[in-house]
Amino acid sequence: MVIFREGERFYAIDELGTHVGTSHMKSRVKEGVLECRLHKGHFCLESGDPVKYPAR
């Protein structure tokens, strides 16, 4: 599990991504969106939904 803090909000997600198991320990978070370091896909931290290709 990885916990991100952005302002006053905290988000907890699985450490490993679902595609090839890339760790999210050093992923970037901006405005509630996580960017996968490997493929640059973007996911909404609140819902888990993909918000930018190549995330699905």
Protein backbone atom coordinates (compact mmCIF):
# COMPACT_ATOMS: atom_id res chain seq x y z
CA MET A 1 0.00 0.00 0.00
CA VAL A 2 1.12 3.53 -0.78
CA ILE A 3 -0.30 6.60 0.94
CA PHE A 4 -0.21 9.97 -0.81
CA ARG A 5 -0.96 13.32 0.78
CA GLU A 6 -2.06 16.27 -1.28
CA GLY A 7 -2.97 19.31 0.76
CA GLU A 8 -5.33 18.09 3.48
CA ARG A 9 -6.37 14.95 1.56
CA PHE A 10 -4.87 11.48 1.96
CA TYR A 11 -5.16 8.68 -0.58
CA ALA A 12 -4.24 5.00 -0.10
CA ILE A 13 -3.72 2.72 -3.12
CA ASP A 14 -2.09 -0.61 -3.94
CA GLU A 15 1.66 -0.18 -4.32
CA LEU A 16 1.79 -2.14 -7.57
CA GLY A 17 0.02 -1.10 -10.75
CA THR A 18 -2.37 -3.53 -12.43
CA HIS A 19 -0.65 -3.60 -15.84
CA VAL A 20 2.91 -4.87 -15.25
CA GLY A 21 3.22 -4.45 -11.50
CA THR A 22 5.19 -1.20 -11.54
CA SER A 23 5.58 0.30 -8.08
CA HIS A 24 3.75 3.55 -7.39
CA MET A 25 6.11 4.47 -4.52
CA LYS A 26 7.65 7.31 -6.58
CA SER A 27 4.68 8.14 -8.80
CA ARG A 28 3.67 11.76 -9.17
CA VAL A 29 0.40 13.12 -7.84
CA LYS A 30 -1.06 16.42 -8.94
CA GLU A 31 -4.59 17.71 -8.34
CA GLY A 32 -5.80 14.28 -7.17
CA VAL A 33 -4.42 12.44 -10.21
CA LEU A 34 -1.66 9.82 -10.10
CA GLU A 35 0.71 9.48 -13.06
CA CYS A 36 2.14 5.99 -13.66
CA ARG A 37 5.93 6.28 -13.97
CA LEU A 38 6.23 3.54 -16.58
CA HIS A 39 3.53 4.30 -19.16
CA LYS A 40 2.46 7.81 -18.09
CA GLY A 41 -1.19 6.84 -17.71
CA HIS A 42 -3.22 8.99 -15.31
CA PHE A 43 -5.69 7.77 -12.67
CA CYS A 44 -8.08 9.65 -10.40
CA LEU A 45 -6.99 8.86 -6.83
CA GLU A 46 -10.47 9.36 -5.41
CA SER A 47 -12.29 6.94 -7.73
CA GLY A 48 -9.46 4.91 -9.29
CA ASP A 49 -10.83 5.69 -12.75
CA PRO A 50 -8.42 6.21 -15.67
CA VAL A 51 -8.35 9.82 -16.85
CA LYS A 52 -5.64 9.84 -19.54
CA TYR A 53 -4.46 7.30 -22.12
CA PRO A 54 -2.85 4.77 -22.02
CA ALA A 55 -4.68 3.99 -18.76
CA ARG A 56 -7.88 2.00 -19.20
